[in-house]
Amino acid sequence: MVADVLSAGLVDRMIALTDSFDPSADLAQARADAEVLTAEFAAFGVTVPAATTANITLMRALMVPIADDALALAVDRIWVFVTTTDDVCCHDRAEAETILRAGMLPGVTASSPNTRYIRHMFGEIARFCDPTFLAAFKSFFYNAITGVLMEAEFTPDASDHVDGDFVRVFNGFSQFWCLTLQFADPCLEASSHRAFWSAALSHGVSFLNDVNDVLSFYKEAVHGEDFAVSRIHRRSLQERIPYLAAYRRSLDSGLAAYRSVLDLATDDQRPHLDRYMTGFAYWHFHCRRYRWSDVYPGLTMIDV
């Protein structure tokens, strides 16, 4: 399956999309934030791999440049720990349930290091957004935890009858990731541009989900277990179509979503949105997490 996708030139098509991307980023800021967060994680007793912290601070610096160092740290904190939370909860259903209860039930104390850190990260970002946005932002986070619990019911042969597309809208934290753009510039601030976000969010979610599925497939194939529950693989099994056909559908859907987001944007918004989406693809190719240099040795890896 990997060979079929690579020989079809579909990955090369995505690499070409990033040709015009300007990879300049404030790596000094990203490194400083990684150091602060590493110390914080130790103080809270949470386990976050150093590679995750480095990879995700790089991701934010590429996709959402932020001049305000305090805001950049608050966003980096959330992006790094959301990634870790996703990784943890995918393999620890009990912790996912603990996080969901601590966040959504009144009077439940934050009983684990992860739940205490989640409250901390939302408390820090609260200084930079209005309460209504914060409430929506948190709801998307906990929706994603619900998605992780649904994903845990997947079977490797996709005989479970769970609707993978429905679950994919929940898991992956894509609404949460997408709305972070409101911190990029006042022209994307959510409370004053609610009509735009109401129209664009579904397309932004589709872009993130589809492109992540498309560009994670090699890493997942190497891992094995992650590949078995991936949406593209499940679609190919459930619909009895070749993996390549399912892969192509996700790629086409992601690129259509990219165009839809830009079509909805104003002239002021479009550069920020384009950088976010193109940077997302660029980061996948140039981040060691996704192992694309195994296949394309000419790709330069970027390290924080």
C-alpha atoms as a PDB file:
ATOM      1  CA  MET A   1       0.000   0.000   0.000  1.00  0.00           C
ATOM      2  CA  VAL A   2       2.822   2.405   0.834  1.00  0.00           C
ATOM      3  CA  ALA A   3       4.509   1.677  -2.480  1.00  0.00           C
ATOM      4  CA  ASP A   4       1.231   2.215  -4.363  1.00  0.00           C
ATOM      5  CA  VAL A   5       0.714   5.654  -2.829  1.00  0.00           C
ATOM      6  CA  LEU A   6       4.290   6.758  -3.396  1.00  0.00           C
ATOM      7  CA  SER A   7       4.396   5.560  -6.993  1.00  0.00           C
ATOM      8  CA  ALA A   8       1.112   7.361  -7.743  1.00  0.00           C
ATOM      9  CA  GLY A   9       2.787  10.721  -7.109  1.00  0.00           C
ATOM     10  CA  LEU A  10       0.182  11.861  -4.588  1.00  0.00           C
ATOM     11  CA  VAL A  11       2.726  12.721  -1.903  1.00  0.00           C
ATOM     12  CA  ASP A  12       4.784  14.632  -4.467  1.00  0.00           C
ATOM     13  CA  ARG A  13       1.636  16.626  -5.196  1.00  0.00           C
ATOM     14  CA  MET A  14       1.487  17.717  -1.568  1.00  0.00           C
ATOM     15  CA  ILE A  15       5.193  18.549  -1.491  1.00  0.00           C
ATOM     16  CA  ALA A  16       4.627  20.795  -4.516  1.00  0.00           C
ATOM     17  CA  LEU A  17       1.892  22.629  -2.591  1.00  0.00           C
ATOM     18  CA  THR A  18       4.523  23.731  -0.071  1.00  0.00           C
ATOM     19  CA  ASP A  19       7.066  24.960  -2.646  1.00  0.00           C
ATOM     20  CA  SER A  20       6.045  28.594  -2.183  1.00  0.00           C
ATOM     21  CA  PHE A  21       5.982  28.431   1.621  1.00  0.00           C
ATOM     22  CA  ASP A  22       8.335  30.793   3.446  1.00  0.00           C
ATOM     23  CA  PRO A  23       9.753  28.688   6.288  1.00  0.00           C
ATOM     24  CA  SER A  24      11.158  31.646   8.210  1.00  0.00           C
ATOM     25  CA  ALA A  25      10.099  31.392  11.833  1.00  0.00           C
ATOM     26  CA  ASP A  26      11.118  32.688  15.230  1.00  0.00           C
ATOM     27  CA  LEU A  27      13.011  29.578  16.284  1.00  0.00           C
ATOM     28  CA  ALA A  28      14.620  31.404  19.211  1.00  0.00           C
ATOM     29  CA  GLN A  29      11.154  32.046  20.628  1.00  0.00           C
ATOM     30  CA  ALA A  30      10.195  28.408  20.032  1.00  0.00           C
ATOM     31  CA  ARG A  31      13.349  27.182  21.798  1.00  0.00           C
ATOM     32  CA  ALA A  32      12.741  29.491  24.759  1.00  0.00           C
ATOM     33  CA  ASP A  33       9.152  28.290  25.051  1.00  0.00           C
ATOM     34  CA  ALA A  34      10.263  24.660  24.875  1.00  0.00           C
ATOM     35  CA  GLU A  35      12.625  25.264  27.806  1.00  0.00           C
ATOM     36  CA  VAL A  36       9.908  26.944  29.891  1.00  0.00           C
ATOM     37  CA  LEU A  37       7.417  24.187  29.142  1.00  0.00           C
ATOM     38  CA  THR A  38       9.884  21.416  29.936  1.00  0.00           C
ATOM     39  CA  ALA A  39      10.393  22.925  33.389  1.00  0.00           C
ATOM     40  CA  GLU A  40       6.632  23.336  33.856  1.00  0.00           C
ATOM     41  CA  PHE A  41       5.922  19.738  32.920  1.00  0.00           C
ATOM     42  CA  ALA A  42       8.438  18.543  35.480  1.00  0.00           C
ATOM     43  CA  ALA A  43       6.916  20.785  38.163  1.00  0.00           C
ATOM     44  CA  PHE A  44       3.415  19.432  37.457  1.00  0.00           C
ATOM     45  CA  GLY A  45       4.612  15.843  37.251  1.00  0.00           C
ATOM     46  CA  VAL A  46       3.367  15.295  33.703  1.00  0.00           C
ATOM     47  CA  THR A  47       5.302  13.277  31.159  1.00  0.00           C
ATOM     48  CA  VAL A  48       5.841  14.957  27.804  1.00  0.00           C
ATOM     49  CA  PRO A  49       8.507  13.607  25.446  1.00  0.00           C
ATOM     50  CA  ALA A  50      11.137  16.215  24.627  1.00  0.00           C
ATOM     51  CA  ALA A  51      10.628  15.482  20.932  1.00  0.00           C
ATOM     52  CA  THR A  52       6.939  16.368  21.210  1.00  0.00           C
ATOM     53  CA  THR A  53       7.723  19.699  22.850  1.00  0.00           C
ATOM     54  CA  ALA A  54      10.307  20.538  20.191  1.00  0.00           C
ATOM     55  CA  ASN A  55       8.146  19.396  17.275  1.00  0.00           C
ATOM     56  CA  ILE A  56       5.001  21.235  18.329  1.00  0.00           C
ATOM     57  CA  THR A  57       6.664  24.517  19.264  1.00  0.00           C
ATOM     58  CA  LEU A  58       8.210  24.402  15.787  1.00  0.00           C
ATOM     59  CA  MET A  59       4.779  23.708  14.312  1.00  0.00           C
ATOM     60  CA  ARG A  60       3.251  26.741  15.993  1.00  0.00           C
ATOM     61  CA  ALA A  61       6.152  28.997  14.990  1.00  0.00           C
ATOM     62  CA  LEU A  62       5.755  27.972  11.350  1.00  0.00           C
ATOM     63  CA  MET A  63       1.959  28.091  11.170  1.00  0.00           C
ATOM     64  CA  VAL A  64       0.953  30.880  13.554  1.00  0.00           C
ATOM     65  CA  PRO A  65       3.732  33.459  14.033  1.00  0.00           C
ATOM     66  CA  ILE A  66       3.011  35.494  17.179  1.00  0.00           C
ATOM     67  CA  ALA A  67       5.066  38.550  18.094  1.00  0.00           C
ATOM     68  CA  ASP A  68       3.820  38.719  21.695  1.00  0.00           C
ATOM     69  CA  ASP A  69       6.089  36.313  23.589  1.00  0.00           C
ATOM     70  CA  ALA A  70       3.606  35.770  26.423  1.00  0.00           C
ATOM     71  CA  LEU A  71       0.797  34.883  24.020  1.00  0.00           C
ATOM     72  CA  ALA A  72       3.128  32.659  21.983  1.00  0.00           C
ATOM     73  CA  LEU A  73       4.002  30.736  25.150  1.00  0.00           C
ATOM     74  CA  ALA A  74       0.329  30.354  26.085  1.00  0.00           C
ATOM     75  CA  VAL A  75      -0.474  28.958  22.629  1.00  0.00           C
ATOM     76  CA  ASP A  76       2.599  26.708  22.607  1.00  0.00           C
ATOM     77  CA  ARG A  77       1.618  25.376  26.017  1.00  0.00           C
ATOM     78  CA  ILE A  78      -1.805  24.374  24.727  1.00  0.00           C
ATOM     79  CA  TRP A  79      -0.592  22.924  21.427  1.00  0.00           C
ATOM     80  CA  VAL A  80       2.108  20.809  23.058  1.00  0.00           C
ATOM     81  CA  PHE A  81      -0.075  19.460  25.818  1.00  0.00           C
ATOM     82  CA  VAL A  82      -3.039  18.780  23.542  1.00  0.00           C
ATOM     83  CA  THR A  83      -0.746  16.644  21.383  1.00  0.00           C
ATOM     84  CA  THR A  84       0.470  14.776  24.445  1.00  0.00           C
ATOM     85  CA  THR A  85      -3.069  14.360  25.763  1.00  0.00           C
ATOM     86  CA  ASP A  86      -4.142  12.853  22.448  1.00  0.00           C
ATOM     87  CA  ASP A  87      -1.221  10.415  22.488  1.00  0.00           C
ATOM     88  CA  VAL A  88      -1.857   9.437  26.125  1.00  0.00           C
ATOM     89  CA  CYS A  89      -5.621   9.039  25.854  1.00  0.00           C
ATOM     90  CA  CYS A  90      -5.392   6.943  22.681  1.00  0.00           C
ATOM     91  CA  HIS A  91      -3.625   4.275  24.745  1.00  0.00           C
ATOM     92  CA  ASP A  92      -5.142   4.885  28.200  1.00  0.00           C
ATOM     93  CA  ARG A  93      -8.934   4.894  28.251  1.00  0.00           C
ATOM     94  CA  ALA A  94      -9.063   5.364  32.031  1.00  0.00           C
ATOM     95  CA  GLU A  95      -7.047   8.586  31.818  1.00  0.00           C
ATOM     96  CA  ALA A  96      -9.300   9.851  29.024  1.00  0.00           C
ATOM     97  CA  GLU A  97     -12.316   9.254  31.253  1.00  0.00           C
ATOM     98  CA  THR A  98     -10.598  10.998  34.175  1.00  0.00           C
ATOM     99  CA  ILE A  99      -9.853  14.049  32.012  1.00  0.00           C
ATOM    100  CA  LEU A 100     -13.414  14.179  30.695  1.00  0.00           C
ATOM    101  CA  ARG A 101     -14.974  13.984  34.160  1.00  0.00           C
ATOM    102  CA  ALA A 102     -12.606  16.575  35.640  1.00  0.00           C
ATOM    103  CA  GLY A 103     -13.391  19.008  32.856  1.00  0.00           C
ATOM    104  CA  MET A 104     -17.120  18.555  32.446  1.00  0.00           C
ATOM    105  CA  LEU A 105     -18.633  17.558  35.794  1.00  0.00           C
ATOM    106  CA  PRO A 106     -19.194  20.232  38.461  1.00  0.00           C
ATOM    107  CA  GLY A 107     -17.338  19.735  41.694  1.00  0.00           C
ATOM    108  CA  VAL A 108     -14.940  17.094  40.376  1.00  0.00           C
ATOM    109  CA  THR A 109     -11.396  17.825  41.479  1.00  0.00           C
ATOM    110  CA  ALA A 110      -8.397  17.626  39.176  1.00  0.00           C
ATOM    111  CA  SER A 111      -7.061  14.376  40.605  1.00  0.00           C
ATOM    112  CA  SER A 112      -4.262  13.557  38.178  1.00  0.00           C
ATOM    113  CA  PRO A 113      -1.226  15.525  36.999  1.00  0.00           C
ATOM    114  CA  ASN A 114      -2.735  15.709  33.512  1.00  0.00           C
ATOM    115  CA  THR A 115      -6.032  17.185  34.697  1.00  0.00           C
ATOM    116  CA  ARG A 116      -4.229  19.731  36.862  1.00  0.00           C
ATOM    117  CA  TYR A 117      -2.078  20.790  33.938  1.00  0.00           C
ATOM    118  CA  ILE A 118      -5.098  21.105  31.652  1.00  0.00           C
ATOM    119  CA  ARG A 119      -6.665  23.550  34.110  1.00  0.00           C
ATOM    120  CA  HIS A 120      -3.382  25.448  34.208  1.00  0.00           C
ATOM    121  CA  MET A 121      -3.102  25.730  30.414  1.00  0.00           C
ATOM    122  CA  PHE A 122      -6.651  27.036  30.054  1.00  0.00           C
ATOM    123  CA  GLY A 123      -6.073  29.455  32.918  1.00  0.00           C
ATOM    124  CA  GLU A 124      -3.035  30.852  31.116  1.00  0.00           C
ATOM    125  CA  ILE A 125      -4.732  31.265  27.724  1.00  0.00           C
ATOM    126  CA  ALA A 126      -7.734  32.917  29.419  1.00  0.00           C
ATOM    127  CA  ARG A 127      -5.713  36.122  29.746  1.00  0.00           C
ATOM    128  CA  PHE A 128      -5.729  36.506  25.969  1.00  0.00           C
ATOM    129  CA  CYS A 129      -9.352  35.829  25.024  1.00  0.00           C
ATOM    130  CA  ASP A 130     -12.894  36.681  26.053  1.00  0.00           C
ATOM    131  CA  PRO A 131     -14.887  34.285  28.288  1.00  0.00           C
ATOM    132  CA  THR A 132     -17.297  33.194  25.555  1.00  0.00           C
ATOM    133  CA  PHE A 133     -14.461  32.166  23.258  1.00  0.00           C
ATOM    134  CA  LEU A 134     -12.733  30.375  26.133  1.00  0.00           C
ATOM    135  CA  ALA A 135     -15.903  28.386  26.848  1.00  0.00           C
ATOM    136  CA  ALA A 136     -16.191  27.323  23.202  1.00  0.00           C
ATOM    137  CA  PHE A 137     -12.468  26.561  23.025  1.00  0.00           C
ATOM    138  CA  LYS A 138     -12.687  24.301  26.075  1.00  0.00           C
ATOM    139  CA  SER A 139     -15.785  22.558  24.736  1.00  0.00           C
ATOM    140  CA  PHE A 140     -13.923  21.599  21.566  1.00  0.00           C
ATOM    141  CA  PHE A 141     -11.099  20.176  23.672  1.00  0.00           C
ATOM    142  CA  TYR A 142     -13.424  17.931  25.655  1.00  0.00           C
ATOM    143  CA  ASN A 143     -15.362  16.936  22.529  1.00  0.00           C
ATOM    144  CA  ALA A 144     -12.084  15.559  21.232  1.00  0.00           C
ATOM    145  CA  ILE A 145     -11.611  13.469  24.370  1.00  0.00           C
ATOM    146  CA  THR A 146     -15.055  12.000  23.658  1.00  0.00           C
ATOM    147  CA  GLY A 147     -13.822  11.197  20.154  1.00  0.00           C
ATOM    148  CA  VAL A 148     -10.792   9.390  21.562  1.00  0.00           C
ATOM    149  CA  LEU A 149     -13.109   7.192  23.636  1.00  0.00           C
ATOM    150  CA  MET A 150     -15.186   6.369  20.557  1.00  0.00           C
ATOM    151  CA  GLU A 151     -12.044   5.623  18.568  1.00  0.00           C
ATOM    152  CA  ALA A 152     -11.047   3.095  21.219  1.00  0.00           C
ATOM    153  CA  GLU A 153     -13.912   0.912  19.962  1.00  0.00           C
ATOM    154  CA  PHE A 154     -12.349   0.525  16.502  1.00  0.00           C
ATOM    155  CA  THR A 155     -11.279  -2.986  15.531  1.00  0.00           C
ATOM    156  CA  PRO A 156      -8.287  -3.638  13.234  1.00  0.00           C
ATOM    157  CA  ASP A 157     -10.484  -5.252  10.570  1.00  0.00           C
ATOM    158  CA  ALA A 158     -13.035  -2.372  10.688  1.00  0.00           C
ATOM    159  CA  SER A 159     -15.854  -4.818  11.484  1.00  0.00           C
ATOM    160  CA  ASP A 160     -17.058  -2.696  14.419  1.00  0.00           C
ATOM    161  CA  HIS A 161     -19.703  -0.694  12.487  1.00  0.00           C
ATOM    162  CA  VAL A 162     -18.441   2.558  14.032  1.00  0.00           C
ATOM    163  CA  ASP A 163     -18.737   5.493  11.609  1.00  0.00           C
ATOM    164  CA  GLY A 164     -15.111   6.562  11.233  1.00  0.00           C
ATOM    165  CA  ASP A 165     -15.971   9.849   9.524  1.00  0.00           C
ATOM    166  CA  PHE A 166     -18.269  10.826  12.402  1.00  0.00           C
ATOM    167  CA  VAL A 167     -15.631   9.935  14.979  1.00  0.00           C
ATOM    168  CA  ARG A 168     -12.960  11.816  13.016  1.00  0.00           C
ATOM    169  CA  VAL A 169     -14.889  15.066  13.413  1.00  0.00           C
ATOM    170  CA  PHE A 170     -14.595  14.578  17.169  1.00  0.00           C
ATOM    171  CA  ASN A 171     -11.108  13.201  17.617  1.00  0.00           C
ATOM    172  CA  GLY A 172      -7.890  14.833  16.518  1.00  0.00           C
ATOM    173  CA  PHE A 173      -8.824  18.118  18.235  1.00  0.00           C
ATOM    174  CA  SER A 174      -9.264  19.763  14.823  1.00  0.00           C
ATOM    175  CA  GLN A 175     -11.875  22.374  15.818  1.00  0.00           C
ATOM    176  CA  PHE A 176      -9.577  23.250  18.686  1.00  0.00           C
ATOM    177  CA  TRP A 177      -6.497  23.486  16.450  1.00  0.00           C
ATOM    178  CA  CYS A 178      -8.295  25.517  13.805  1.00  0.00           C
ATOM    179  CA  LEU A 179      -9.743  28.100  16.185  1.00  0.00           C
ATOM    180  CA  THR A 180      -6.277  28.878  17.530  1.00  0.00           C
ATOM    181  CA  LEU A 181      -5.960  31.075  14.455  1.00  0.00           C
ATOM    182  CA  GLN A 182      -8.037  33.651  16.293  1.00  0.00           C
ATOM    183  CA  PHE A 183      -4.826  34.549  18.143  1.00  0.00           C
ATOM    184  CA  ALA A 184      -2.918  35.189  14.897  1.00  0.00           C
ATOM    185  CA  ASP A 185      -4.355  38.604  14.072  1.00  0.00           C
ATOM    186  CA  PRO A 186      -7.325  40.834  15.049  1.00  0.00           C
ATOM    187  CA  CYS A 187      -8.877  40.146  11.628  1.00  0.00           C
ATOM    188  CA  LEU A 188      -9.457  36.545  12.764  1.00  0.00           C
ATOM    189  CA  GLU A 189     -10.564  37.255  16.334  1.00  0.00           C
ATOM    190  CA  ALA A 190     -13.487  34.901  16.916  1.00  0.00           C
ATOM    191  CA  SER A 191     -15.996  37.051  18.795  1.00  0.00           C
ATOM    192  CA  SER A 192     -15.939  39.840  16.207  1.00  0.00           C
ATOM    193  CA  HIS A 193     -15.759  37.527  13.164  1.00  0.00           C
ATOM    194  CA  ARG A 194     -18.237  34.868  14.210  1.00  0.00           C
ATOM    195  CA  ALA A 195     -19.909  34.720  10.792  1.00  0.00           C
ATOM    196  CA  PHE A 196     -16.603  33.866   9.137  1.00  0.00           C
ATOM    197  CA  TRP A 197     -15.792  31.152  11.646  1.00  0.00           C
ATOM    198  CA  SER A 198     -19.290  29.698  11.445  1.00  0.00           C
ATOM    199  CA  ALA A 199     -18.839  29.331   7.686  1.00  0.00           C
ATOM    200  CA  ALA A 200     -15.171  28.353   7.598  1.00  0.00           C
ATOM    201  CA  LEU A 201     -14.728  26.064  10.588  1.00  0.00           C
ATOM    202  CA  SER A 202     -16.134  22.940   8.926  1.00  0.00           C
ATOM    203  CA  HIS A 203     -13.777  23.406   5.978  1.00  0.00           C
ATOM    204  CA  GLY A 204     -10.846  24.075   8.297  1.00  0.00           C
ATOM    205  CA  VAL A 205     -11.602  20.891  10.206  1.00  0.00           C
ATOM    206  CA  SER A 206     -11.845  18.916   6.962  1.00  0.00           C
ATOM    207  CA  PHE A 207      -8.514  20.316   5.824  1.00  0.00           C
ATOM    208  CA  LEU A 208      -6.716  19.437   9.053  1.00  0.00           C
ATOM    209  CA  ASN A 209      -8.236  15.964   9.294  1.00  0.00           C
ATOM    210  CA  ASP A 210      -7.735  15.014   5.661  1.00  0.00           C
ATOM    211  CA  VAL A 211      -4.235  16.423   5.279  1.00  0.00           C
ATOM    212  CA  ASN A 212      -3.116  14.949   8.585  1.00  0.00           C
ATOM    213  CA  ASP A 213      -4.488  11.555   7.524  1.00  0.00           C
ATOM    214  CA  VAL A 214      -2.745  11.834   4.162  1.00  0.00           C
ATOM    215  CA  LEU A 215       0.614  12.962   5.531  1.00  0.00           C
ATOM    216  CA  SER A 216       0.625  10.682   8.592  1.00  0.00           C
ATOM    217  CA  PHE A 217       0.151   7.500   6.608  1.00  0.00           C
ATOM    218  CA  TYR A 218       3.852   6.658   6.274  1.00  0.00           C
ATOM    219  CA  LYS A 219       4.533   7.158  10.001  1.00  0.00           C
ATOM    220  CA  GLU A 220       1.436   5.090  10.793  1.00  0.00           C
ATOM    221  CA  ALA A 221       2.464   2.342   8.379  1.00  0.00           C
ATOM    222  CA  VAL A 222       5.843   2.093  10.124  1.00  0.00           C
ATOM    223  CA  HIS A 223       4.088   1.983  13.514  1.00  0.00           C
ATOM    224  CA  GLY A 224       1.557  -0.629  12.409  1.00  0.00           C
ATOM    225  CA  GLU A 225      -1.024  -0.341  15.186  1.00  0.00           C
ATOM    226  CA  ASP A 226      -1.881   3.279  14.362  1.00  0.00           C
ATOM    227  CA  PHE A 227      -2.273   2.376  10.684  1.00  0.00           C
ATOM    228  CA  ALA A 228      -4.879  -0.281  11.480  1.00  0.00           C
ATOM    229  CA  VAL A 229      -7.250   2.285  13.023  1.00  0.00           C
ATOM    230  CA  SER A 230      -6.522   5.110  10.577  1.00  0.00           C
ATOM    231  CA  ARG A 231      -9.503   6.559   8.737  1.00  0.00           C
ATOM    232  CA  ILE A 232      -8.105   5.906   5.253  1.00  0.00           C
ATOM    233  CA  HIS A 233      -7.393   2.249   6.017  1.00  0.00           C
ATOM    234  CA  ARG A 234     -10.794   1.753   7.641  1.00  0.00           C
ATOM    235  CA  ARG A 235     -12.529   3.372   4.670  1.00  0.00           C
ATOM    236  CA  SER A 236     -10.761   1.051   2.255  1.00  0.00           C
ATOM    237  CA  LEU A 237     -11.880  -1.982   4.287  1.00  0.00           C
ATOM    238  CA  GLN A 238     -15.449  -0.868   4.957  1.00  0.00           C
ATOM    239  CA  GLU A 239     -16.124   0.256   1.390  1.00  0.00           C
ATOM    240  CA  ARG A 240     -14.047  -2.548  -0.137  1.00  0.00           C
ATOM    241  CA  ILE A 241     -12.059  -0.179  -2.290  1.00  0.00           C
ATOM    242  CA  PRO A 242      -8.292  -0.089  -2.889  1.00  0.00           C
ATOM    243  CA  TYR A 243      -6.291   1.774  -0.272  1.00  0.00           C
ATOM    244  CA  LEU A 244      -4.996   4.075  -3.000  1.00  0.00           C
ATOM    245  CA  ALA A 245      -8.553   5.101  -3.934  1.00  0.00           C
ATOM    246  CA  ALA A 246      -9.354   5.883  -0.302  1.00  0.00           C
ATOM    247  CA  TYR A 247      -6.104   7.828   0.025  1.00  0.00           C
ATOM    248  CA  ARG A 248      -6.831   9.839  -3.113  1.00  0.00           C
ATOM    249  CA  ARG A 249     -10.292  10.721  -1.808  1.00  0.00           C
ATOM    250  CA  SER A 250      -8.851  12.139   1.415  1.00  0.00           C
ATOM    251  CA  LEU A 251      -6.243  14.112  -0.505  1.00  0.00           C
ATOM    252  CA  ASP A 252      -8.818  15.591  -2.888  1.00  0.00           C
ATOM    253  CA  SER A 253     -11.114  16.429   0.031  1.00  0.00           C
ATOM    254  CA  GLY A 254      -8.304  18.168   1.914  1.00  0.00           C
ATOM    255  CA  LEU A 255      -7.316  20.285  -1.073  1.00  0.00           C
ATOM    256  CA  ALA A 256     -10.955  21.207  -1.741  1.00  0.00           C
ATOM    257  CA  ALA A 257     -11.285  22.297   1.890  1.00  0.00           C
ATOM    258  CA  TYR A 258      -8.129  24.412   1.537  1.00  0.00           C
ATOM    259  CA  ARG A 259      -9.657  26.254  -1.410  1.00  0.00           C
ATOM    260  CA  SER A 260     -12.987  26.698   0.396  1.00  0.00           C
ATOM    261  CA  VAL A 261     -11.359  28.321   3.422  1.00  0.00           C
ATOM    262  CA  LEU A 262      -9.464  30.788   1.242  1.00  0.00           C
ATOM    263  CA  ASP A 263     -12.594  31.561  -0.803  1.00  0.00           C
ATOM    264  CA  LEU A 264     -14.455  32.513   2.385  1.00  0.00           C
ATOM    265  CA  ALA A 265     -11.662  34.760   3.674  1.00  0.00           C
ATOM    266  CA  THR A 266     -11.274  38.497   3.298  1.00  0.00           C
ATOM    267  CA  ASP A 267      -8.117  39.941   1.773  1.00  0.00           C
ATOM    268  CA  ASP A 268      -6.815  40.639   5.284  1.00  0.00           C
ATOM    269  CA  GLN A 269      -7.546  37.132   6.548  1.00  0.00           C
ATOM    270  CA  ARG A 270      -6.302  35.158   3.551  1.00  0.00           C
ATOM    271  CA  PRO A 271      -2.508  35.430   4.122  1.00  0.00           C
ATOM    272  CA  HIS A 272      -2.859  34.167   7.709  1.00  0.00           C
ATOM    273  CA  LEU A 273      -5.075  31.273   6.667  1.00  0.00           C
ATOM    274  CA  ASP A 274      -2.861  30.338   3.745  1.00  0.00           C
ATOM    275  CA  ARG A 275       0.247  30.332   5.938  1.00  0.00           C
ATOM    276  CA  TYR A 276      -1.550  28.210   8.542  1.00  0.00           C
ATOM    277  CA  MET A 277      -2.675  25.561   6.065  1.00  0.00           C
ATOM    278  CA  THR A 278       0.402  25.494   3.844  1.00  0.00           C
ATOM    279  CA  GLY A 279       2.589  25.546   6.949  1.00  0.00           C
ATOM    280  CA  PHE A 280       0.678  22.546   8.290  1.00  0.00           C
ATOM    281  CA  ALA A 281       1.673  20.489   5.245  1.00  0.00           C
ATOM    282  CA  TYR A 282       5.220  21.903   5.263  1.00  0.00           C
ATOM    283  CA  TRP A 283       5.678  20.974   8.917  1.00  0.00           C
ATOM    284  CA  HIS A 284       4.655  17.366   8.253  1.00  0.00           C
ATOM    285  CA  PHE A 285       7.326  17.030   5.596  1.00  0.00           C
ATOM    286  CA  HIS A 286      10.123  18.734   7.539  1.00  0.00           C
ATOM    287  CA  CYS A 287       9.418  17.401  11.044  1.00  0.00           C
ATOM    288  CA  ARG A 288      11.175  14.206  12.143  1.00  0.00           C
ATOM    289  CA  ARG A 289       7.937  12.951  13.737  1.00  0.00           C
ATOM    290  CA  TYR A 290       6.537  11.964  10.328  1.00  0.00           C
ATOM    291  CA  ARG A 291       9.700  10.314   8.961  1.00  0.00           C
ATOM    292  CA  TRP A 292       9.350  11.622   5.419  1.00  0.00           C
ATOM    293  CA  SER A 293      13.123  11.921   5.093  1.00  0.00           C
ATOM    294  CA  ASP A 294      13.150   8.097   5.006  1.00  0.00           C
ATOM    295  CA  VAL A 295      11.385   8.327   1.650  1.00  0.00           C
ATOM    296  CA  TYR A 296      12.576  11.730   0.424  1.00  0.00           C
ATOM    297  CA  PRO A 297      16.184  12.144   1.621  1.00  0.00           C
ATOM    298  CA  GLY A 298      16.345  15.574   0.003  1.00  0.00           C
ATOM    299  CA  LEU A 299      13.868  17.015   2.504  1.00  0.00           C
ATOM    300  CA  THR A 300      15.658  19.109   5.113  1.00  0.00           C
ATOM    301  CA  MET A 301      14.536  18.464   8.661  1.00  0.00           C
ATOM    302  CA  ILE A 302      14.024  21.510  10.896  1.00  0.00           C
ATOM    303  CA  ASP A 303      14.921  21.211  14.559  1.00  0.00           C
ATOM    304  CA  VAL A 304      14.170  23.574  17.426  1.00  0.00           C
END
